[in-house]
Amino acid sequence: LVAYADDVGSLVVVPADVAASVRFEEGRLSGSSGCNRYAGEGAITIGPLATTRRMCPGPDGLLEQEAAFLAAMGRVATWRIDGLRLELCAADGALLVSFRAG
């Protein structure tokens, strides 16, 4: 995860020490939101995601960042590839989440 849009649409860059990810496979997605694991169904449109409920030590604000990231994932309607980046966007084309190939 490189960046995500918060609830007002501002892009938030994820600290380098936070390892969040996504994996798409056979109509499902799963990954880490920095602390907890999440999973859901979706291709272009991503619906509600189920998460674990771990208490995580880590940088201040990690759980708030995780909640905002998961909310942005729930608003995804389209996607595009830009080099090594996967950009997940809202229906209006606004960038919501950006991942870099690992």
PDB file of N, CA and C in Angstrom:
ATOM      1  N   LEU A   1       0.845  -1.173   0.000  1.00  0.00           N
ATOM      2  CA  LEU A   1       0.000   0.000   0.000  1.00  0.00           C
ATOM      3  C   LEU A   1       0.888   1.234   0.000  1.00  0.00           C
ATOM      4  N   VAL A   2       0.624   2.139  -0.916  1.00  0.00           N
ATOM      5  CA  VAL A   2       1.381   3.385  -1.008  1.00  0.00           C
ATOM      6  C   VAL A   2       0.595   4.530  -0.379  1.00  0.00           C
ATOM      7  N   ALA A   3      -0.698   4.644  -0.743  1.00  0.00           N
ATOM      8  CA  ALA A   3      -1.530   5.736  -0.255  1.00  0.00           C
ATOM      9  C   ALA A   3      -2.999   5.341  -0.341  1.00  0.00           C
ATOM     10  N   TYR A   4      -3.831   6.062   0.411  1.00  0.00           N
ATOM     11  CA  TYR A   4      -5.277   5.853   0.365  1.00  0.00           C
ATOM     12  C   TYR A   4      -5.955   7.201   0.592  1.00  0.00           C
ATOM     13  N   ALA A   5      -7.216   7.323   0.185  1.00  0.00           N
ATOM     14  CA  ALA A   5      -7.976   8.552   0.385  1.00  0.00           C
ATOM     15  C   ALA A   5      -8.737   8.463   1.703  1.00  0.00           C
ATOM     16  N   ASP A   6      -8.657   9.537   2.508  1.00  0.00           N
ATOM     17  CA  ASP A   6      -9.419   9.548   3.757  1.00  0.00           C
ATOM     18  C   ASP A   6     -10.883   9.890   3.463  1.00  0.00           C
ATOM     19  N   ASP A   7     -11.692  10.053   4.498  1.00  0.00           N
ATOM     20  CA  ASP A   7     -13.128  10.244   4.290  1.00  0.00           C
ATOM     21  C   ASP A   7     -13.494  11.567   3.633  1.00  0.00           C
ATOM     22  N   VAL A   8     -12.554  12.499   3.517  1.00  0.00           N
ATOM     23  CA  VAL A   8     -12.827  13.749   2.796  1.00  0.00           C
ATOM     24  C   VAL A   8     -12.131  13.787   1.437  1.00  0.00           C
ATOM     25  N   GLY A   9     -11.492  12.676   1.056  1.00  0.00           N
ATOM     26  CA  GLY A   9     -10.878  12.580  -0.259  1.00  0.00           C
ATOM     27  C   GLY A   9      -9.423  12.994  -0.351  1.00  0.00           C
ATOM     28  N   SER A  10      -8.806  13.339   0.780  1.00  0.00           N
ATOM     29  CA  SER A  10      -7.387  13.698   0.769  1.00  0.00           C
ATOM     30  C   SER A  10      -6.541  12.436   0.759  1.00  0.00           C
ATOM     31  N   LEU A  11      -5.494  12.416  -0.079  1.00  0.00           N
ATOM     32  CA  LEU A  11      -4.606  11.254  -0.121  1.00  0.00           C
ATOM     33  C   LEU A  11      -3.678  11.253   1.078  1.00  0.00           C
ATOM     34  N   VAL A  12      -3.591  10.116   1.738  1.00  0.00           N
ATOM     35  CA  VAL A  12      -2.725   9.928   2.900  1.00  0.00           C
ATOM     36  C   VAL A  12      -1.645   8.929   2.499  1.00  0.00           C
ATOM     37  N   VAL A  13      -0.391   9.333   2.578  1.00  0.00           N
ATOM     38  CA  VAL A  13       0.729   8.448   2.259  1.00  0.00           C
ATOM     39  C   VAL A  13       0.988   7.551   3.460  1.00  0.00           C
ATOM     40  N   VAL A  14       1.130   6.265   3.202  1.00  0.00           N
ATOM     41  CA  VAL A  14       1.335   5.278   4.264  1.00  0.00           C
ATOM     42  C   VAL A  14       2.811   5.264   4.662  1.00  0.00           C
ATOM     43  N   PRO A  15       3.104   5.306   5.960  1.00  0.00           N
ATOM     44  CA  PRO A  15       4.500   5.237   6.399  1.00  0.00           C
ATOM     45  C   PRO A  15       5.179   3.964   5.889  1.00  0.00           C
ATOM     46  N   ALA A  16       6.449   4.057   5.615  1.00  0.00           N
ATOM     47  CA  ALA A  16       7.198   2.935   5.050  1.00  0.00           C
ATOM     48  C   ALA A  16       7.203   1.716   5.955  1.00  0.00           C
ATOM     49  N   ASP A  17       7.050   1.913   7.271  1.00  0.00           N
ATOM     50  CA  ASP A  17       7.099   0.768   8.181  1.00  0.00           C
ATOM     51  C   ASP A  17       5.738   0.080   8.361  1.00  0.00           C
ATOM     52  N   VAL A  18       4.727   0.508   7.626  1.00  0.00           N
ATOM     53  CA  VAL A  18       3.405  -0.133   7.665  1.00  0.00           C
ATOM     54  C   VAL A  18       3.259  -1.001   6.418  1.00  0.00           C
ATOM     55  N   ALA A  19       3.117  -2.294   6.619  1.00  0.00           N
ATOM     56  CA  ALA A  19       3.035  -3.238   5.500  1.00  0.00           C
ATOM     57  C   ALA A  19       1.587  -3.642   5.270  1.00  0.00           C
ATOM     58  N   ALA A  20       0.878  -2.897   4.432  1.00  0.00           N
ATOM     59  CA  ALA A  20      -0.491  -3.234   4.050  1.00  0.00           C
ATOM     60  C   ALA A  20      -0.458  -3.741   2.614  1.00  0.00           C
ATOM     61  N   SER A  21      -1.375  -4.670   2.295  1.00  0.00           N
ATOM     62  CA  SER A  21      -1.315  -5.308   0.981  1.00  0.00           C
ATOM     63  C   SER A  21      -2.695  -5.733   0.515  1.00  0.00           C
ATOM     64  N   VAL A  22      -2.782  -6.112  -0.760  1.00  0.00           N
ATOM     65  CA  VAL A  22      -4.001  -6.693  -1.321  1.00  0.00           C
ATOM     66  C   VAL A  22      -3.607  -7.790  -2.294  1.00  0.00           C
ATOM     67  N   ARG A  23      -4.439  -8.806  -2.356  1.00  0.00           N
ATOM     68  CA  ARG A  23      -4.245  -9.898  -3.319  1.00  0.00           C
ATOM     69  C   ARG A  23      -5.604 -10.229  -3.917  1.00  0.00           C
ATOM     70  N   PHE A  24      -5.679 -10.243  -5.244  1.00  0.00           N
ATOM     71  CA  PHE A  24      -6.902 -10.611  -5.944  1.00  0.00           C
ATOM     72  C   PHE A  24      -6.720 -12.012  -6.510  1.00  0.00           C
ATOM     73  N   GLU A  25      -7.685 -12.890  -6.240  1.00  0.00           N
ATOM     74  CA  GLU A  25      -7.581 -14.255  -6.724  1.00  0.00           C
ATOM     75  C   GLU A  25      -8.971 -14.884  -6.811  1.00  0.00           C
ATOM     76  N   GLU A  26      -9.334 -15.320  -8.001  1.00  0.00           N
ATOM     77  CA  GLU A  26     -10.579 -16.046  -8.239  1.00  0.00           C
ATOM     78  C   GLU A  26     -11.808 -15.329  -7.693  1.00  0.00           C
ATOM     79  N   GLY A  27     -11.936 -14.030  -7.990  1.00  0.00           N
ATOM     80  CA  GLY A  27     -13.108 -13.277  -7.587  1.00  0.00           C
ATOM     81  C   GLY A  27     -13.134 -12.849  -6.129  1.00  0.00           C
ATOM     82  N   ARG A  28     -12.068 -13.091  -5.409  1.00  0.00           N
ATOM     83  CA  ARG A  28     -11.974 -12.688  -4.006  1.00  0.00           C
ATOM     84  C   ARG A  28     -10.742 -11.822  -3.817  1.00  0.00           C
ATOM     85  N   LEU A  29     -10.735 -11.056  -2.749  1.00  0.00           N
ATOM     86  CA  LEU A  29      -9.552 -10.300  -2.400  1.00  0.00           C
ATOM     87  C   LEU A  29      -9.258 -10.520  -0.927  1.00  0.00           C
ATOM     88  N   SER A  30      -7.994 -10.395  -0.588  1.00  0.00           N
ATOM     89  CA  SER A  30      -7.564 -10.541   0.796  1.00  0.00           C
ATOM     90  C   SER A  30      -6.269  -9.773   0.964  1.00  0.00           C
ATOM     91  N   GLY A  31      -5.895  -9.548   2.192  1.00  0.00           N
ATOM     92  CA  GLY A  31      -4.643  -8.858   2.433  1.00  0.00           C
ATOM     93  C   GLY A  31      -4.511  -8.443   3.874  1.00  0.00           C
ATOM     94  N   SER A  32      -3.559  -7.558   4.095  1.00  0.00           N
ATOM     95  CA  SER A  32      -3.311  -6.986   5.408  1.00  0.00           C
ATOM     96  C   SER A  32      -3.587  -5.491   5.331  1.00  0.00           C
ATOM     97  N   SER A  33      -4.266  -4.969   6.349  1.00  0.00           N
ATOM     98  CA  SER A  33      -4.528  -3.532   6.394  1.00  0.00           C
ATOM     99  C   SER A  33      -3.516  -2.826   7.298  1.00  0.00           C
ATOM    100  N   GLY A  34      -2.392  -3.461   7.536  1.00  0.00           N
ATOM    101  CA  GLY A  34      -1.330  -2.876   8.347  1.00  0.00           C
ATOM    102  C   GLY A  34      -1.181  -3.576   9.675  1.00  0.00           C
ATOM    103  N   CYS A  35      -2.300  -4.029  10.232  1.00  0.00           N
ATOM    104  CA  CYS A  35      -2.321  -4.759  11.495  1.00  0.00           C
ATOM    105  C   CYS A  35      -3.158  -6.018  11.318  1.00  0.00           C
ATOM    106  N   ASN A  36      -4.384  -5.835  10.902  1.00  0.00           N
ATOM    107  CA  ASN A  36      -5.329  -6.939  10.767  1.00  0.00           C
ATOM    108  C   ASN A  36      -5.364  -7.466   9.341  1.00  0.00           C
ATOM    109  N   ARG A  37      -5.862  -8.683   9.205  1.00  0.00           N
ATOM    110  CA  ARG A  37      -6.095  -9.288   7.900  1.00  0.00           C
ATOM    111  C   ARG A  37      -7.516  -8.943   7.487  1.00  0.00           C
ATOM    112  N   TYR A  38      -7.779  -8.839   6.184  1.00  0.00           N
ATOM    113  CA  TYR A  38      -9.128  -8.613   5.695  1.00  0.00           C
ATOM    114  C   TYR A  38      -9.383  -9.510   4.502  1.00  0.00           C
ATOM    115  N   ALA A  39     -10.668  -9.700   4.185  1.00  0.00           N
ATOM    116  CA  ALA A  39     -11.048 -10.514   3.042  1.00  0.00           C
ATOM    117  C   ALA A  39     -12.425 -10.071   2.580  1.00  0.00           C
ATOM    118  N   GLY A  40     -12.695 -10.282   1.308  1.00  0.00           N
ATOM    119  CA  GLY A  40     -13.997  -9.942   0.761  1.00  0.00           C
ATOM    120  C   GLY A  40     -14.113 -10.460  -0.649  1.00  0.00           C
ATOM    121  N   GLU A  41     -15.242 -10.163  -1.258  1.00  0.00           N
ATOM    122  CA  GLU A  41     -15.467 -10.536  -2.641  1.00  0.00           C
ATOM    123  C   GLU A  41     -15.463  -9.283  -3.474  1.00  0.00           C
ATOM    124  N   GLY A  42     -15.022  -9.393  -4.700  1.00  0.00           N
ATOM    125  CA  GLY A  42     -15.051  -8.235  -5.569  1.00  0.00           C
ATOM    126  C   GLY A  42     -14.117  -8.398  -6.737  1.00  0.00           C
ATOM    127  N   ALA A  43     -14.420  -7.706  -7.754  1.00  0.00           N
ATOM    128  CA  ALA A  43     -13.561  -7.642  -8.926  1.00  0.00           C
ATOM    129  C   ALA A  43     -13.223  -6.175  -9.109  1.00  0.00           C
ATOM    130  N   ILE A  44     -14.115  -5.437  -9.746  1.00  0.00           N
ATOM    131  CA  ILE A  44     -13.929  -4.001  -9.868  1.00  0.00           C
ATOM    132  C   ILE A  44     -14.602  -3.304  -8.687  1.00  0.00           C
ATOM    133  N   THR A  45     -15.790  -3.725  -8.340  1.00  0.00           N
ATOM    134  CA  THR A  45     -16.497  -3.149  -7.205  1.00  0.00           C
ATOM    135  C   THR A  45     -16.195  -3.997  -5.982  1.00  0.00           C
ATOM    136  N   ILE A  46     -15.756  -3.361  -4.925  1.00  0.00           N
ATOM    137  CA  ILE A  46     -15.421  -4.066  -3.695  1.00  0.00           C
ATOM    138  C   ILE A  46     -16.480  -3.735  -2.663  1.00  0.00           C
ATOM    139  N   GLY A  47     -17.071  -4.764  -2.096  1.00  0.00           N
ATOM    140  CA  GLY A  47     -18.102  -4.576  -1.083  1.00  0.00           C
ATOM    141  C   GLY A  47     -17.505  -4.534   0.302  1.00  0.00           C
ATOM    142  N   PRO A  48     -18.342  -4.696   1.315  1.00  0.00           N
ATOM    143  CA  PRO A  48     -17.855  -4.687   2.701  1.00  0.00           C
ATOM    144  C   PRO A  48     -16.791  -5.769   2.915  1.00  0.00           C
ATOM    145  N   LEU A  49     -15.780  -5.429   3.681  1.00  0.00           N
ATOM    146  CA  LEU A  49     -14.694  -6.357   3.972  1.00  0.00           C
ATOM    147  C   LEU A  49     -14.808  -6.856   5.403  1.00  0.00           C
ATOM    148  N   ALA A  50     -14.519  -8.121   5.611  1.00  0.00           N
ATOM    149  CA  ALA A  50     -14.443  -8.696   6.949  1.00  0.00           C
ATOM    150  C   ALA A  50     -12.997  -8.600   7.418  1.00  0.00           C
ATOM    151  N   THR A  51     -12.790  -8.230   8.678  1.00  0.00           N
ATOM    152  CA  THR A  51     -11.430  -8.106   9.206  1.00  0.00           C
ATOM    153  C   THR A  51     -11.296  -8.900  10.496  1.00  0.00           C
ATOM    154  N   THR A  52     -10.045  -9.160  10.852  1.00  0.00           N
ATOM    155  CA  THR A  52      -9.755  -9.706  12.168  1.00  0.00           C
ATOM    156  C   THR A  52      -9.847  -8.550  13.165  1.00  0.00           C
ATOM    157  N   ARG A  53      -9.703  -8.816  14.433  1.00  0.00           N
ATOM    158  CA  ARG A  53      -9.817  -7.785  15.469  1.00  0.00           C
ATOM    159  C   ARG A  53      -8.613  -7.817  16.410  1.00  0.00           C
ATOM    160  N   ARG A  54      -7.423  -7.760  15.858  1.00  0.00           N
ATOM    161  CA  ARG A  54      -6.221  -7.802  16.674  1.00  0.00           C
ATOM    162  C   ARG A  54      -5.943  -6.441  17.298  1.00  0.00           C
ATOM    163  N   MET A  55      -5.338  -6.447  18.457  1.00  0.00           N
ATOM    164  CA  MET A  55      -4.792  -5.230  19.050  1.00  0.00           C
ATOM    165  C   MET A  55      -3.322  -5.215  18.649  1.00  0.00           C
ATOM    166  N   CYS A  56      -2.909  -4.165  18.004  1.00  0.00           N
ATOM    167  CA  CYS A  56      -1.567  -4.147  17.433  1.00  0.00           C
ATOM    168  C   CYS A  56      -0.710  -3.054  18.043  1.00  0.00           C
ATOM    169  N   PRO A  57       0.488  -3.440  18.477  1.00  0.00           N
ATOM    170  CA  PRO A  57       1.437  -2.388  18.825  1.00  0.00           C
ATOM    171  C   PRO A  57       1.915  -1.797  17.511  1.00  0.00           C
ATOM    172  N   GLY A  58       2.313  -0.617  17.522  1.00  0.00           N
ATOM    173  CA  GLY A  58       2.790  -0.040  16.269  1.00  0.00           C
ATOM    174  C   GLY A  58       2.797   1.459  16.355  1.00  0.00           C
ATOM    175  N   PRO A  59       3.019   2.072  15.248  1.00  0.00           N
ATOM    176  CA  PRO A  59       3.070   3.537  15.261  1.00  0.00           C
ATOM    177  C   PRO A  59       1.726   4.117  15.720  1.00  0.00           C
ATOM    178  N   ASP A  60       1.784   5.263  16.370  1.00  0.00           N
ATOM    179  CA  ASP A  60       0.558   5.954  16.764  1.00  0.00           C
ATOM    180  C   ASP A  60      -0.300   6.186  15.523  1.00  0.00           C
ATOM    181  N   GLY A  61      -1.590   5.991  15.677  1.00  0.00           N
ATOM    182  CA  GLY A  61      -2.517   6.225  14.576  1.00  0.00           C
ATOM    183  C   GLY A  61      -2.705   5.055  13.637  1.00  0.00           C
ATOM    184  N   LEU A  62      -2.056   3.911  13.915  1.00  0.00           N
ATOM    185  CA  LEU A  62      -2.147   2.766  13.002  1.00  0.00           C
ATOM    186  C   LEU A  62      -3.585   2.287  12.840  1.00  0.00           C
ATOM    187  N   LEU A  63      -4.325   2.163  13.930  1.00  0.00           N
ATOM    188  CA  LEU A  63      -5.690   1.649  13.831  1.00  0.00           C
ATOM    189  C   LEU A  63      -6.614   2.639  13.129  1.00  0.00           C
ATOM    190  N   GLU A  64      -6.397   3.940  13.325  1.00  0.00           N
ATOM    191  CA  GLU A  64      -7.184   4.954  12.615  1.00  0.00           C
ATOM    192  C   GLU A  64      -6.872   4.914  11.116  1.00  0.00           C
ATOM    193  N   GLN A  65      -5.589   4.736  10.777  1.00  0.00           N
ATOM    194  CA  GLN A  65      -5.191   4.624   9.374  1.00  0.00           C
ATOM    195  C   GLN A  65      -5.822   3.390   8.758  1.00  0.00           C
ATOM    196  N   GLU A  66      -5.807   2.294   9.487  1.00  0.00           N
ATOM    197  CA  GLU A  66      -6.378   1.048   9.006  1.00  0.00           C
ATOM    198  C   GLU A  66      -7.874   1.214   8.713  1.00  0.00           C
ATOM    199  N   ALA A  67      -8.607   1.872   9.598  1.00  0.00           N
ATOM    200  CA  ALA A  67     -10.049   2.083   9.401  1.00  0.00           C
ATOM    201  C   ALA A  67     -10.304   2.940   8.165  1.00  0.00           C
ATOM    202  N   ALA A  68      -9.507   3.988   7.969  1.00  0.00           N
ATOM    203  CA  ALA A  68      -9.680   4.859   6.800  1.00  0.00           C
ATOM    204  C   ALA A  68      -9.341   4.116   5.511  1.00  0.00           C
ATOM    205  N   PHE A  69      -8.295   3.303   5.531  1.00  0.00           N
ATOM    206  CA  PHE A  69      -7.923   2.505   4.364  1.00  0.00           C
ATOM    207  C   PHE A  69      -9.040   1.537   3.997  1.00  0.00           C
ATOM    208  N   LEU A  70      -9.582   0.827   4.984  1.00  0.00           N
ATOM    209  CA  LEU A  70     -10.655  -0.126   4.705  1.00  0.00           C
ATOM    210  C   LEU A  70     -11.908   0.578   4.196  1.00  0.00           C
ATOM    211  N   ALA A  71     -12.202   1.769   4.714  1.00  0.00           N
ATOM    212  CA  ALA A  71     -13.350   2.541   4.215  1.00  0.00           C
ATOM    213  C   ALA A  71     -13.132   2.932   2.759  1.00  0.00           C
ATOM    214  N   ALA A  72     -11.915   3.351   2.413  1.00  0.00           N
ATOM    215  CA  ALA A  72     -11.609   3.703   1.019  1.00  0.00           C
ATOM    216  C   ALA A  72     -11.753   2.483   0.122  1.00  0.00           C
ATOM    217  N   MET A  73     -11.298   1.322   0.580  1.00  0.00           N
ATOM    218  CA  MET A  73     -11.440   0.091  -0.213  1.00  0.00           C
ATOM    219  C   MET A  73     -12.912  -0.206  -0.492  1.00  0.00           C
ATOM    220  N   GLY A  74     -13.772   0.085   0.451  1.00  0.00           N
ATOM    221  CA  GLY A  74     -15.194  -0.168   0.283  1.00  0.00           C
ATOM    222  C   GLY A  74     -15.865   0.746  -0.721  1.00  0.00           C
ATOM    223  N   ARG A  75     -15.189   1.829  -1.139  1.00  0.00           N
ATOM    224  CA  ARG A  75     -15.752   2.761  -2.120  1.00  0.00           C
ATOM    225  C   ARG A  75     -15.212   2.537  -3.531  1.00  0.00           C
ATOM    226  N   VAL A  76     -14.370   1.535  -3.726  1.00  0.00           N
ATOM    227  CA  VAL A  76     -13.751   1.284  -5.034  1.00  0.00           C
ATOM    228  C   VAL A  76     -14.788   0.841  -6.066  1.00  0.00           C
ATOM    229  N   ALA A  77     -14.695   1.455  -7.252  1.00  0.00           N
ATOM    230  CA  ALA A  77     -15.600   1.095  -8.355  1.00  0.00           C
ATOM    231  C   ALA A  77     -14.842   0.788  -9.644  1.00  0.00           C
ATOM    232  N   THR A  78     -13.637   1.316  -9.806  1.00  0.00           N
ATOM    233  CA  THR A  78     -12.851   1.086 -11.022  1.00  0.00           C
ATOM    234  C   THR A  78     -11.385   0.920 -10.633  1.00  0.00           C
ATOM    235  N   TRP A  79     -10.588   0.509 -11.611  1.00  0.00           N
ATOM    236  CA  TRP A  79      -9.159   0.338 -11.367  1.00  0.00           C
ATOM    237  C   TRP A  79      -8.375   0.717 -12.608  1.00  0.00           C
ATOM    238  N   ARG A  80      -7.088   0.953 -12.417  1.00  0.00           N
ATOM    239  CA  ARG A  80      -6.175   1.179 -13.543  1.00  0.00           C
ATOM    240  C   ARG A  80      -4.771   0.764 -13.108  1.00  0.00           C
ATOM    241  N   ILE A  81      -3.974   0.391 -14.083  1.00  0.00           N
ATOM    242  CA  ILE A  81      -2.575   0.039 -13.853  1.00  0.00           C
ATOM    243  C   ILE A  81      -1.723   1.172 -14.407  1.00  0.00           C
ATOM    244  N   ASP A  82      -0.780   1.653 -13.616  1.00  0.00           N
ATOM    245  CA  ASP A  82       0.144   2.692 -14.042  1.00  0.00           C
ATOM    246  C   ASP A  82       1.545   2.190 -13.702  1.00  0.00           C
ATOM    247  N   GLY A  83       2.213   1.582 -14.696  1.00  0.00           N
ATOM    248  CA  GLY A  83       3.521   0.990 -14.448  1.00  0.00           C
ATOM    249  C   GLY A  83       3.406  -0.131 -13.436  1.00  0.00           C
ATOM    250  N   LEU A  84       4.082   0.006 -12.298  1.00  0.00           N
ATOM    251  CA  LEU A  84       4.034  -1.004 -11.245  1.00  0.00           C
ATOM    252  C   LEU A  84       2.984  -0.694 -10.186  1.00  0.00           C
ATOM    253  N   ARG A  85       2.129   0.293 -10.456  1.00  0.00           N
ATOM    254  CA  ARG A  85       1.098   0.679  -9.493  1.00  0.00           C
ATOM    255  C   ARG A  85      -0.275   0.187  -9.916  1.00  0.00           C
ATOM    256  N   LEU A  86      -1.021  -0.316  -8.941  1.00  0.00           N
ATOM    257  CA  LEU A  86      -2.440  -0.616  -9.090  1.00  0.00           C
ATOM    258  C   LEU A  86      -3.171   0.522  -8.402  1.00  0.00           C
ATOM    259  N   GLU A  87      -3.989   1.245  -9.160  1.00  0.00           N
ATOM    260  CA  GLU A  87      -4.748   2.359  -8.606  1.00  0.00           C
ATOM    261  C   GLU A  87      -6.223   1.986  -8.585  1.00  0.00           C
ATOM    262  N   LEU A  88      -6.814   2.011  -7.409  1.00  0.00           N
ATOM    263  CA  LEU A  88      -8.227   1.703  -7.228  1.00  0.00           C
ATOM    264  C   LEU A  88      -8.960   3.027  -7.059  1.00  0.00           C
ATOM    265  N   CYS A  89     -10.035   3.206  -7.836  1.00  0.00           N
ATOM    266  CA  CYS A  89     -10.677   4.522  -7.932  1.00  0.00           C
ATOM    267  C   CYS A  89     -12.165   4.456  -7.621  1.00  0.00           C
ATOM    268  N   ALA A  90     -12.730   5.611  -7.289  1.00  0.00           N
ATOM    269  CA  ALA A  90     -14.168   5.765  -7.085  1.00  0.00           C
ATOM    270  C   ALA A  90     -14.846   5.784  -8.454  1.00  0.00           C
ATOM    271  N   ALA A  91     -16.166   5.728  -8.450  1.00  0.00           N
ATOM    272  CA  ALA A  91     -16.933   5.749  -9.699  1.00  0.00           C
ATOM    273  C   ALA A  91     -16.636   7.002 -10.522  1.00  0.00           C
ATOM    274  N   ASP A  92     -16.319   8.124  -9.867  1.00  0.00           N
ATOM    275  CA  ASP A  92     -16.019   9.364 -10.587  1.00  0.00           C
ATOM    276  C   ASP A  92     -14.561   9.454 -11.037  1.00  0.00           C
ATOM    277  N   GLY A  93     -13.777   8.396 -10.800  1.00  0.00           N
ATOM    278  CA  GLY A  93     -12.381   8.365 -11.224  1.00  0.00           C
ATOM    279  C   GLY A  93     -11.394   8.853 -10.187  1.00  0.00           C
ATOM    280  N   ALA A  94     -11.882   9.356  -9.051  1.00  0.00           N
ATOM    281  CA  ALA A  94     -10.984   9.845  -7.995  1.00  0.00           C
ATOM    282  C   ALA A  94     -10.182   8.682  -7.414  1.00  0.00           C
ATOM    283  N   LEU A  95      -8.879   8.894  -7.261  1.00  0.00           N
ATOM    284  CA  LEU A  95      -7.999   7.876  -6.696  1.00  0.00           C
ATOM    285  C   LEU A  95      -8.341   7.636  -5.232  1.00  0.00           C
ATOM    286  N   LEU A  96      -8.589   6.386  -4.884  1.00  0.00           N
ATOM    287  CA  LEU A  96      -8.899   6.010  -3.506  1.00  0.00           C
ATOM    288  C   LEU A  96      -7.764   5.279  -2.829  1.00  0.00           C
ATOM    289  N   VAL A  97      -7.114   4.361  -3.567  1.00  0.00           N
ATOM    290  CA  VAL A  97      -6.062   3.528  -2.981  1.00  0.00           C
ATOM    291  C   VAL A  97      -5.019   3.254  -4.052  1.00  0.00           C
ATOM    292  N   SER A  98      -3.768   3.295  -3.667  1.00  0.00           N
ATOM    293  CA  SER A  98      -2.676   3.023  -4.602  1.00  0.00           C
ATOM    294  C   SER A  98      -1.759   1.973  -3.996  1.00  0.00           C
ATOM    295  N   PHE A  99      -1.517   0.907  -4.750  1.00  0.00           N
ATOM    296  CA  PHE A  99      -0.598  -0.149  -4.345  1.00  0.00           C
ATOM    297  C   PHE A  99       0.572  -0.189  -5.324  1.00  0.00           C
ATOM    298  N   ARG A 100       1.747  -0.569  -4.842  1.00  0.00           N
ATOM    299  CA  ARG A 100       2.922  -0.775  -5.687  1.00  0.00           C
ATOM    300  C   ARG A 100       3.239  -2.255  -5.664  1.00  0.00           C
ATOM    301  N   ALA A 101       3.550  -2.818  -6.828  1.00  0.00           N
ATOM    302  CA  ALA A 101       3.898  -4.252  -6.915  1.00  0.00           C
ATOM    303  C   ALA A 101       5.079  -4.523  -6.009  1.00  0.00           C
ATOM    304  N   GLY A 102       5.000  -5.639  -5.285  1.00  0.00           N
ATOM    305  CA  GLY A 102       6.037  -5.971  -4.320  1.00  0.00           C
ATOM    306  C   GLY A 102       6.935  -7.060  -4.803  1.00  0.00           C
TER     307      GLY A 102
END
